[in-house]
């Protein structure tokens, strides 16, 4: 994903979901992220990075476990947590970054 660095340079917070196809909790994040997107609309950009298909990016950010969620703004990592979070919790995190 060569444009990953371009995407995270955004003024709009970018929520990155590092996941793997085989990961059960990762599958739980999909409806949560869809809910978050419907609530926040243009105030957040959400992208998913498959760690098995993008090992270089996973290594660059030292992703040890999945799901790991990170929020970037203007290319800088502003927040990071592993595990499943609710849409409400993620909304608070993104609001605090803005």
N, C-alpha and C. Protein backbone atom coordinates (compact mmCIF):
# COMPACT_ATOMS: atom_id res chain seq x y z
N UNK A 1 0.86 -1.19 0.00
CA UNK A 1 0.00 0.00 0.00
C UNK A 1 0.89 1.24 0.00
N UNK A 2 1.28 1.67 -1.18
CA UNK A 2 2.23 2.78 -1.29
C UNK A 2 1.62 4.11 -0.89
N UNK A 3 0.30 4.23 -0.98
CA UNK A 3 -0.30 5.52 -0.65
C UNK A 3 -0.67 5.64 0.83
N UNK A 4 -0.29 4.66 1.67
CA UNK A 4 -0.59 4.70 3.10
C UNK A 4 -0.06 6.00 3.71
N UNK A 5 1.21 6.34 3.39
CA UNK A 5 1.79 7.57 3.95
C UNK A 5 1.06 8.81 3.48
N UNK A 6 0.56 8.79 2.24
CA UNK A 6 -0.22 9.93 1.74
C UNK A 6 -1.53 10.05 2.51
N UNK A 7 -2.18 8.90 2.75
CA UNK A 7 -3.47 8.90 3.44
C UNK A 7 -3.33 9.46 4.85
N UNK A 8 -2.31 9.03 5.61
CA UNK A 8 -2.19 9.46 7.01
C UNK A 8 -1.69 10.90 7.15
N UNK A 9 -1.33 11.56 6.05
CA UNK A 9 -0.93 12.96 6.12
C UNK A 9 -2.14 13.89 6.24
N UNK A 10 -3.32 13.34 6.16
CA UNK A 10 -4.56 14.09 6.11
C UNK A 10 -4.76 14.99 7.31
N UNK A 11 -5.44 16.13 7.08
CA UNK A 11 -5.89 17.02 8.17
C UNK A 11 -6.99 16.32 8.96
N UNK A 12 -7.77 15.50 8.28
CA UNK A 12 -8.84 14.75 8.92
C UNK A 12 -8.22 13.56 9.64
N UNK A 13 -8.62 13.28 10.88
CA UNK A 13 -8.07 12.10 11.56
C UNK A 13 -8.33 10.83 10.74
N UNK A 14 -7.31 9.98 10.70
CA UNK A 14 -7.41 8.70 9.99
C UNK A 14 -7.31 7.58 11.01
N UNK A 15 -8.37 6.79 11.11
CA UNK A 15 -8.37 5.63 12.00
C UNK A 15 -7.93 4.43 11.18
N UNK A 16 -6.83 3.81 11.61
CA UNK A 16 -6.30 2.65 10.90
C UNK A 16 -6.57 1.41 11.75
N UNK A 17 -7.25 0.46 11.14
CA UNK A 17 -7.53 -0.82 11.79
C UNK A 17 -6.57 -1.85 11.21
N UNK A 18 -5.55 -2.22 12.00
CA UNK A 18 -4.63 -3.29 11.59
C UNK A 18 -5.29 -4.60 11.99
N UNK A 19 -5.54 -5.46 11.00
CA UNK A 19 -6.30 -6.68 11.24
C UNK A 19 -5.70 -7.85 10.48
N UNK A 20 -6.28 -9.04 10.73
CA UNK A 20 -5.92 -10.24 9.97
C UNK A 20 -7.21 -11.01 9.71
N UNK A 21 -7.26 -11.66 8.56
CA UNK A 21 -8.46 -12.43 8.17
C UNK A 21 -8.81 -13.52 9.17
N UNK A 22 -7.80 -14.12 9.78
CA UNK A 22 -8.01 -15.26 10.68
C UNK A 22 -8.38 -14.84 12.10
N UNK A 23 -8.42 -13.54 12.36
CA UNK A 23 -8.59 -13.02 13.73
C UNK A 23 -10.07 -12.81 14.06
N UNK A 24 -10.57 -13.56 15.06
CA UNK A 24 -11.97 -13.44 15.48
C UNK A 24 -12.36 -12.05 15.95
N UNK A 25 -11.62 -11.46 16.91
CA UNK A 25 -11.96 -10.10 17.36
C UNK A 25 -11.92 -9.06 16.23
N UNK A 26 -11.05 -9.29 15.23
CA UNK A 26 -10.98 -8.35 14.11
C UNK A 26 -12.32 -8.31 13.37
N UNK A 27 -12.96 -9.47 13.24
CA UNK A 27 -14.25 -9.54 12.56
C UNK A 27 -15.31 -8.75 13.33
N UNK A 28 -15.17 -8.68 14.66
CA UNK A 28 -16.10 -7.92 15.49
C UNK A 28 -15.97 -6.41 15.23
N UNK A 29 -14.81 -5.98 14.76
CA UNK A 29 -14.58 -4.55 14.54
C UNK A 29 -15.34 -4.01 13.33
N UNK A 30 -15.62 -4.86 12.34
CA UNK A 30 -16.24 -4.38 11.10
C UNK A 30 -17.54 -3.61 11.34
N UNK A 31 -18.54 -4.19 12.03
CA UNK A 31 -19.77 -3.42 12.25
C UNK A 31 -19.56 -2.20 13.15
N UNK A 32 -18.59 -2.29 14.07
CA UNK A 32 -18.30 -1.15 14.94
C UNK A 32 -17.75 0.01 14.11
N UNK A 33 -16.85 -0.30 13.19
CA UNK A 33 -16.27 0.75 12.34
C UNK A 33 -17.32 1.32 11.39
N UNK A 34 -18.23 0.48 10.91
CA UNK A 34 -19.30 0.98 10.04
C UNK A 34 -20.22 1.92 10.82
N UNK A 35 -20.51 1.56 12.06
CA UNK A 35 -21.33 2.40 12.94
C UNK A 35 -20.62 3.73 13.19
N UNK A 36 -19.33 3.67 13.48
CA UNK A 36 -18.54 4.87 13.72
C UNK A 36 -18.57 5.79 12.50
N UNK A 37 -18.38 5.21 11.32
CA UNK A 37 -18.38 6.00 10.08
C UNK A 37 -19.74 6.67 9.87
N UNK A 38 -20.82 5.94 10.17
CA UNK A 38 -22.16 6.52 9.98
C UNK A 38 -22.39 7.67 10.97
N UNK A 39 -21.79 7.60 12.15
CA UNK A 39 -21.95 8.66 13.15
C UNK A 39 -21.06 9.87 12.86
N UNK A 40 -19.84 9.61 12.36
CA UNK A 40 -18.85 10.69 12.22
C UNK A 40 -18.71 11.21 10.79
N UNK A 41 -19.16 10.44 9.81
CA UNK A 41 -19.14 10.90 8.43
C UNK A 41 -17.78 11.38 7.98
N UNK A 42 -17.74 12.63 7.52
CA UNK A 42 -16.52 13.21 6.95
C UNK A 42 -15.49 13.60 8.01
N UNK A 43 -15.83 13.47 9.29
CA UNK A 43 -14.92 13.86 10.36
C UNK A 43 -13.84 12.82 10.64
N UNK A 44 -13.91 11.69 9.96
CA UNK A 44 -12.90 10.65 10.14
C UNK A 44 -12.77 9.86 8.85
N UNK A 45 -11.56 9.39 8.60
CA UNK A 45 -11.35 8.46 7.50
C UNK A 45 -10.92 7.15 8.14
N UNK A 46 -11.52 6.05 7.73
CA UNK A 46 -11.23 4.75 8.31
C UNK A 46 -10.63 3.86 7.22
N UNK A 47 -9.46 3.31 7.52
CA UNK A 47 -8.87 2.36 6.58
C UNK A 47 -8.48 1.09 7.34
N UNK A 48 -8.51 -0.02 6.63
CA UNK A 48 -8.14 -1.31 7.22
C UNK A 48 -6.87 -1.79 6.54
N UNK A 49 -5.93 -2.25 7.35
CA UNK A 49 -4.67 -2.77 6.84
C UNK A 49 -4.55 -4.22 7.27
N UNK A 50 -4.52 -5.13 6.31
CA UNK A 50 -4.34 -6.56 6.58
C UNK A 50 -2.84 -6.78 6.85
N UNK A 51 -2.51 -7.15 8.09
CA UNK A 51 -1.09 -7.28 8.46
C UNK A 51 -0.39 -8.40 7.69
N UNK A 52 -1.14 -9.41 7.26
CA UNK A 52 -0.52 -10.50 6.49
C UNK A 52 -0.20 -10.07 5.07
N UNK A 53 -1.00 -9.14 4.52
CA UNK A 53 -0.75 -8.67 3.16
C UNK A 53 0.14 -7.43 3.11
N UNK A 54 0.32 -6.78 4.26
CA UNK A 54 1.13 -5.55 4.34
C UNK A 54 2.13 -5.66 5.49
N UNK A 55 3.02 -6.66 5.44
CA UNK A 55 3.94 -6.87 6.57
C UNK A 55 4.89 -5.70 6.82
N UNK A 56 5.24 -4.97 5.78
CA UNK A 56 6.17 -3.85 5.96
C UNK A 56 5.54 -2.74 6.80
N UNK A 57 4.28 -2.43 6.53
CA UNK A 57 3.59 -1.40 7.32
C UNK A 57 3.39 -1.90 8.75
N UNK A 58 3.00 -3.15 8.91
CA UNK A 58 2.82 -3.72 10.25
C UNK A 58 4.14 -3.66 11.03
N UNK A 59 5.23 -3.96 10.37
CA UNK A 59 6.55 -3.91 11.04
C UNK A 59 6.93 -2.48 11.37
N UNK A 60 6.66 -1.55 10.44
CA UNK A 60 7.01 -0.15 10.65
C UNK A 60 6.36 0.40 11.92
N UNK A 61 5.13 -0.01 12.19
CA UNK A 61 4.41 0.48 13.37
C UNK A 61 4.41 -0.53 14.51
N UNK A 62 5.28 -1.55 14.40
CA UNK A 62 5.47 -2.55 15.44
C UNK A 62 4.12 -3.11 15.93
N UNK A 63 3.33 -3.55 14.98
CA UNK A 63 2.04 -4.17 15.31
C UNK A 63 2.33 -5.59 15.82
N UNK A 64 2.04 -5.83 17.08
CA UNK A 64 2.30 -7.13 17.70
C UNK A 64 1.06 -8.01 17.69
N UNK A 65 -0.10 -7.41 17.89
CA UNK A 65 -1.34 -8.16 17.97
C UNK A 65 -2.42 -7.47 17.17
N UNK A 66 -3.42 -8.23 16.80
CA UNK A 66 -4.54 -7.67 16.05
C UNK A 66 -5.84 -7.97 16.80
N UNK A 67 -6.84 -7.10 16.73
CA UNK A 67 -6.77 -5.81 16.05
C UNK A 67 -5.98 -4.78 16.85
N UNK A 68 -5.23 -3.96 16.15
CA UNK A 68 -4.61 -2.77 16.73
C UNK A 68 -5.16 -1.58 15.97
N UNK A 69 -5.66 -0.62 16.71
CA UNK A 69 -6.23 0.59 16.12
C UNK A 69 -5.28 1.74 16.39
N UNK A 70 -5.07 2.56 15.35
CA UNK A 70 -4.24 3.76 15.50
C UNK A 70 -4.97 4.93 14.86
N UNK A 71 -4.77 6.11 15.43
CA UNK A 71 -5.31 7.33 14.83
C UNK A 71 -4.13 8.20 14.43
N UNK A 72 -4.14 8.61 13.17
CA UNK A 72 -3.12 9.50 12.63
C UNK A 72 -3.76 10.83 12.26
N UNK A 73 -2.99 11.89 12.40
CA UNK A 73 -3.39 13.19 11.89
C UNK A 73 -2.13 13.87 11.40
N UNK A 74 -2.15 14.35 10.19
CA UNK A 74 -1.00 15.01 9.57
C UNK A 74 0.26 14.15 9.67
N UNK A 75 0.07 12.84 9.47
CA UNK A 75 1.21 11.93 9.44
C UNK A 75 1.73 11.49 10.79
N UNK A 76 1.16 12.02 11.86
CA UNK A 76 1.64 11.66 13.20
C UNK A 76 0.66 10.73 13.90
N UNK A 77 1.21 9.75 14.59
CA UNK A 77 0.38 8.85 15.38
C UNK A 77 -0.08 9.60 16.62
N UNK A 78 -1.39 9.70 16.80
CA UNK A 78 -1.96 10.44 17.93
C UNK A 78 -2.50 9.53 19.02
N UNK A 79 -2.77 8.27 18.66
CA UNK A 79 -3.39 7.35 19.62
C UNK A 79 -3.24 5.94 19.09
N UNK A 80 -3.18 4.98 20.03
CA UNK A 80 -3.02 3.58 19.62
C UNK A 80 -3.54 2.69 20.73
N UNK A 81 -4.26 1.64 20.35
CA UNK A 81 -4.72 0.66 21.33
C UNK A 81 -5.01 -0.65 20.62
N UNK A 82 -4.72 -1.74 21.29
CA UNK A 82 -5.04 -3.05 20.74
C UNK A 82 -6.34 -3.54 21.37
N UNK A 83 -7.07 -4.34 20.61
CA UNK A 83 -8.31 -4.92 21.11
C UNK A 83 -9.53 -4.26 20.50
N UNK A 84 -10.68 -4.79 20.86
CA UNK A 84 -11.95 -4.31 20.33
C UNK A 84 -12.45 -3.16 21.20
N UNK A 85 -12.81 -2.06 20.56
CA UNK A 85 -13.39 -0.91 21.26
C UNK A 85 -14.75 -0.61 20.67
N UNK A 86 -15.59 0.04 21.47
CA UNK A 86 -16.92 0.42 20.99
C UNK A 86 -16.82 1.65 20.09
N UNK A 87 -17.85 1.85 19.29
CA UNK A 87 -17.92 3.04 18.43
C UNK A 87 -17.90 4.30 19.28
N UNK A 88 -18.59 4.27 20.42
CA UNK A 88 -18.64 5.45 21.31
C UNK A 88 -17.24 5.80 21.83
N UNK A 89 -16.48 4.78 22.23
CA UNK A 89 -15.12 5.02 22.71
C UNK A 89 -14.24 5.59 21.60
N UNK A 90 -14.36 5.02 20.42
CA UNK A 90 -13.56 5.50 19.28
C UNK A 90 -13.95 6.92 18.91
N UNK A 91 -15.24 7.23 19.01
CA UNK A 91 -15.70 8.59 18.70
C UNK A 91 -15.05 9.60 19.66
N UNK A 92 -14.95 9.24 20.92
CA UNK A 92 -14.30 10.13 21.91
C UNK A 92 -12.84 10.33 21.58
N UNK A 93 -12.17 9.24 21.21
CA UNK A 93 -10.74 9.32 20.86
C UNK A 93 -10.55 10.27 19.68
N UNK A 94 -11.35 10.10 18.65
CA UNK A 94 -11.21 10.91 17.43
C UNK A 94 -11.54 12.37 17.73
N UNK A 95 -12.56 12.61 18.55
CA UNK A 95 -12.92 13.98 18.93
C UNK A 95 -11.76 14.64 19.68
N UNK A 96 -11.05 13.87 20.50
CA UNK A 96 -9.94 14.45 21.28
C UNK A 96 -8.75 14.78 20.39
N UNK A 97 -8.63 14.10 19.27
CA UNK A 97 -7.52 14.32 18.34
C UNK A 97 -7.79 15.57 17.50
N UNK A 98 -9.08 15.82 17.22
CA UNK A 98 -9.43 16.92 16.32
C UNK A 98 -9.12 18.28 16.88
